[in-house]
Amino acid sequence: MILSTETDYKQAFIEFDKLVATMNDDEALQMQARQLAEAIQDYEQRHIAFPKPTTLIGMIELKMYEKRLKQKDLAQLLNVETSRISELLNGKRKLTIELAKQLHEKLGIDGNFILESV
């Protein structure tokens, strides 16, 4: 399913809400809801320009959202302790060179952006 207009996009949200309210354990309805959600996401990626984060913490949170990572998952990916990620995201810990490299390599955050944010 491809949404090509804003009207299609808005209608897809209405249909998605109806499906979520009624689907329960019905696998066919769950599949329809998933397809609508994917179509909505595809439309947003093609037509809605979300502002890019201006802070490193904001960029890390965006990448976590895009990759559907929790802090625990990010810590595993970056090979650091979960508490270290929490402290970094809360501004209680400064970024190390090693962690900066990991953010660049594993999350694809531009190295220049990382350097400008430090």
C-alpha atoms as a PDB file:
ATOM      1  CA  MET A   1       0.000   0.000   0.000  1.00  0.00           C
ATOM      2  CA  ILE A   2       1.351   3.390  -1.018  1.00  0.00           C
ATOM      3  CA  LEU A   3      -0.031   6.647   0.303  1.00  0.00           C
ATOM      4  CA  SER A   4       0.436   9.395  -2.257  1.00  0.00           C
ATOM      5  CA  THR A   5      -1.594  12.336  -0.965  1.00  0.00           C
ATOM      6  CA  GLU A   6      -2.122  14.050   2.357  1.00  0.00           C
ATOM      7  CA  THR A   7      -5.766  12.949   2.223  1.00  0.00           C
ATOM      8  CA  ASP A   8      -4.652   9.306   1.873  1.00  0.00           C
ATOM      9  CA  TYR A   9      -2.283   9.860   4.802  1.00  0.00           C
ATOM     10  CA  LYS A  10      -4.993  11.277   7.065  1.00  0.00           C
ATOM     11  CA  GLN A  11      -7.448   8.545   6.059  1.00  0.00           C
ATOM     12  CA  ALA A  12      -4.832   5.899   6.840  1.00  0.00           C
ATOM     13  CA  PHE A  13      -4.571   7.252  10.397  1.00  0.00           C
ATOM     14  CA  ILE A  14      -8.339   7.035  10.827  1.00  0.00           C
ATOM     15  CA  GLU A  15      -8.388   3.448   9.535  1.00  0.00           C
ATOM     16  CA  PHE A  16      -5.397   2.542  11.711  1.00  0.00           C
ATOM     17  CA  ASP A  17      -7.138   3.860  14.841  1.00  0.00           C
ATOM     18  CA  LYS A  18     -10.263   1.836  14.009  1.00  0.00           C
ATOM     19  CA  LEU A  19      -8.205  -1.319  13.499  1.00  0.00           C
ATOM     20  CA  VAL A  20      -6.290  -0.870  16.745  1.00  0.00           C
ATOM     21  CA  ALA A  21      -9.551  -0.397  18.643  1.00  0.00           C
ATOM     22  CA  THR A  22     -11.091  -3.606  17.258  1.00  0.00           C
ATOM     23  CA  MET A  23      -8.298  -6.017  16.317  1.00  0.00           C
ATOM     24  CA  ASN A  24      -7.649  -7.780  19.663  1.00  0.00           C
ATOM     25  CA  ASP A  25      -6.062 -11.143  18.735  1.00  0.00           C
ATOM     26  CA  ASP A  26      -7.331 -11.188  15.130  1.00  0.00           C
ATOM     27  CA  GLU A  27      -4.180 -11.824  13.105  1.00  0.00           C
ATOM     28  CA  ALA A  28      -5.717 -10.605   9.839  1.00  0.00           C
ATOM     29  CA  LEU A  29      -6.615  -7.254  11.410  1.00  0.00           C
ATOM     30  CA  GLN A  30      -3.201  -7.048  13.050  1.00  0.00           C
ATOM     31  CA  MET A  31      -1.594  -7.567   9.636  1.00  0.00           C
ATOM     32  CA  GLN A  32      -3.765  -4.804   8.136  1.00  0.00           C
ATOM     33  CA  ALA A  33      -2.769  -2.475  10.974  1.00  0.00           C
ATOM     34  CA  ARG A  34       0.908  -3.273  10.422  1.00  0.00           C
ATOM     35  CA  GLN A  35       0.607  -2.579   6.685  1.00  0.00           C
ATOM     36  CA  LEU A  36      -1.107   0.739   7.375  1.00  0.00           C
ATOM     37  CA  ALA A  37       1.546   1.689   9.924  1.00  0.00           C
ATOM     38  CA  GLU A  38       4.293   0.917   7.418  1.00  0.00           C
ATOM     39  CA  ALA A  39       2.520   2.926   4.712  1.00  0.00           C
ATOM     40  CA  ILE A  40       2.126   5.860   7.109  1.00  0.00           C
ATOM     41  CA  GLN A  41       5.792   5.686   8.045  1.00  0.00           C
ATOM     42  CA  ASP A  42       6.826   5.503   4.383  1.00  0.00           C
ATOM     43  CA  TYR A  43       4.700   8.556   3.550  1.00  0.00           C
ATOM     44  CA  GLU A  44       6.234  10.508   6.435  1.00  0.00           C
ATOM     45  CA  GLN A  45       9.758   9.648   5.312  1.00  0.00           C
ATOM     46  CA  ARG A  46       9.024  10.767   1.756  1.00  0.00           C
ATOM     47  CA  HIS A  47       6.917  13.868   2.383  1.00  0.00           C
ATOM     48  CA  ILE A  48       7.389  15.257   5.886  1.00  0.00           C
ATOM     49  CA  ALA A  49      10.681  16.895   6.720  1.00  0.00           C
ATOM     50  CA  PHE A  50      11.322  16.472  10.412  1.00  0.00           C
ATOM     51  CA  PRO A  51      13.946  18.870  11.782  1.00  0.00           C
ATOM     52  CA  LYS A  52      17.302  17.284  12.476  1.00  0.00           C
ATOM     53  CA  PRO A  53      18.552  17.446  16.051  1.00  0.00           C
ATOM     54  CA  THR A  54      21.051  20.190  16.858  1.00  0.00           C
ATOM     55  CA  THR A  55      22.553  18.499  19.923  1.00  0.00           C
ATOM     56  CA  LEU A  56      24.466  15.260  20.222  1.00  0.00           C
ATOM     57  CA  ILE A  57      22.011  13.948  22.805  1.00  0.00           C
ATOM     58  CA  GLY A  58      19.145  14.735  20.438  1.00  0.00           C
ATOM     59  CA  MET A  59      20.923  12.947  17.585  1.00  0.00           C
ATOM     60  CA  ILE A  60      21.597   9.878  19.739  1.00  0.00           C
ATOM     61  CA  GLU A  61      17.929   9.788  20.771  1.00  0.00           C
ATOM     62  CA  LEU A  62      16.856  10.099  17.114  1.00  0.00           C
ATOM     63  CA  LYS A  63      19.117   7.213  16.106  1.00  0.00           C
ATOM     64  CA  MET A  64      17.790   5.161  19.025  1.00  0.00           C
ATOM     65  CA  TYR A  65      14.234   5.848  17.832  1.00  0.00           C
ATOM     66  CA  GLU A  66      15.050   5.029  14.202  1.00  0.00           C
ATOM     67  CA  LYS A  67      16.729   1.768  15.158  1.00  0.00           C
ATOM     68  CA  ARG A  68      14.150   1.004  17.879  1.00  0.00           C
ATOM     69  CA  LEU A  69      16.817   0.780  20.561  1.00  0.00           C
ATOM     70  CA  LYS A  70      16.356   1.144  24.286  1.00  0.00           C
ATOM     71  CA  GLN A  71      19.216   2.422  26.424  1.00  0.00           C
ATOM     72  CA  LYS A  72      20.083  -1.170  27.323  1.00  0.00           C
ATOM     73  CA  ASP A  73      20.229  -2.133  23.623  1.00  0.00           C
ATOM     74  CA  LEU A  74      22.354   0.901  22.778  1.00  0.00           C
ATOM     75  CA  ALA A  75      24.759   0.060  25.597  1.00  0.00           C
ATOM     76  CA  GLN A  76      25.175  -3.458  24.204  1.00  0.00           C
ATOM     77  CA  LEU A  77      25.680  -2.132  20.668  1.00  0.00           C
ATOM     78  CA  LEU A  78      28.317   0.332  21.845  1.00  0.00           C
ATOM     79  CA  ASN A  79      29.858  -2.176  24.262  1.00  0.00           C
ATOM     80  CA  VAL A  80      29.482   0.051  27.330  1.00  0.00           C
ATOM     81  CA  GLU A  81      27.542  -0.136  30.575  1.00  0.00           C
ATOM     82  CA  THR A  82      23.888   0.935  30.534  1.00  0.00           C
ATOM     83  CA  SER A  83      24.553   3.423  33.337  1.00  0.00           C
ATOM     84  CA  ARG A  84      27.153   5.146  31.155  1.00  0.00           C
ATOM     85  CA  ILE A  85      24.575   5.670  28.388  1.00  0.00           C
ATOM     86  CA  SER A  86      22.069   6.983  30.911  1.00  0.00           C
ATOM     87  CA  GLU A  87      24.607   9.422  32.336  1.00  0.00           C
ATOM     88  CA  LEU A  88      25.588  10.613  28.842  1.00  0.00           C
ATOM     89  CA  LEU A  89      21.963  11.183  27.800  1.00  0.00           C
ATOM     90  CA  ASN A  90      21.238  13.040  31.055  1.00  0.00           C
ATOM     91  CA  GLY A  91      24.282  15.299  30.664  1.00  0.00           C
ATOM     92  CA  LYS A  92      26.057  13.846  33.699  1.00  0.00           C
ATOM     93  CA  ARG A  93      28.953  12.320  31.755  1.00  0.00           C
ATOM     94  CA  LYS A  94      31.127  13.779  29.030  1.00  0.00           C
ATOM     95  CA  LEU A  95      31.724  12.030  25.746  1.00  0.00           C
ATOM     96  CA  THR A  96      34.991  10.108  25.436  1.00  0.00           C
ATOM     97  CA  ILE A  97      36.906   9.680  22.179  1.00  0.00           C
ATOM     98  CA  GLU A  98      36.229   5.930  22.233  1.00  0.00           C
ATOM     99  CA  LEU A  99      32.498   6.424  22.668  1.00  0.00           C
ATOM    100  CA  ALA A 100      32.524   9.096  19.944  1.00  0.00           C
ATOM    101  CA  LYS A 101      34.084   6.539  17.565  1.00  0.00           C
ATOM    102  CA  GLN A 102      31.432   3.983  18.487  1.00  0.00           C
ATOM    103  CA  LEU A 103      28.620   6.495  17.910  1.00  0.00           C
ATOM    104  CA  HIS A 104      30.050   7.249  14.489  1.00  0.00           C
ATOM    105  CA  GLU A 105      30.643   3.622  13.499  1.00  0.00           C
ATOM    106  CA  LYS A 106      27.597   1.917  15.039  1.00  0.00           C
ATOM    107  CA  LEU A 107      24.919   4.618  14.770  1.00  0.00           C
ATOM    108  CA  GLY A 108      26.210   6.418  11.691  1.00  0.00           C
ATOM    109  CA  ILE A 109      26.367   9.812  13.365  1.00  0.00           C
ATOM    110  CA  ASP A 110      28.522  12.153  11.305  1.00  0.00           C
ATOM    111  CA  GLY A 111      31.944  12.606  12.881  1.00  0.00           C
ATOM    112  CA  ASN A 112      31.906  16.354  12.226  1.00  0.00           C
ATOM    113  CA  PHE A 113      28.567  16.641  14.015  1.00  0.00           C
ATOM    114  CA  ILE A 114      30.029  14.782  17.010  1.00  0.00           C
ATOM    115  CA  LEU A 115      33.099  17.044  17.113  1.00  0.00           C
ATOM    116  CA  GLU A 116      31.031  20.204  16.806  1.00  0.00           C
ATOM    117  CA  SER A 117      28.808  19.020  19.678  1.00  0.00           C
ATOM    118  CA  VAL A 118      31.633  18.391  22.126  1.00  0.00           C
END
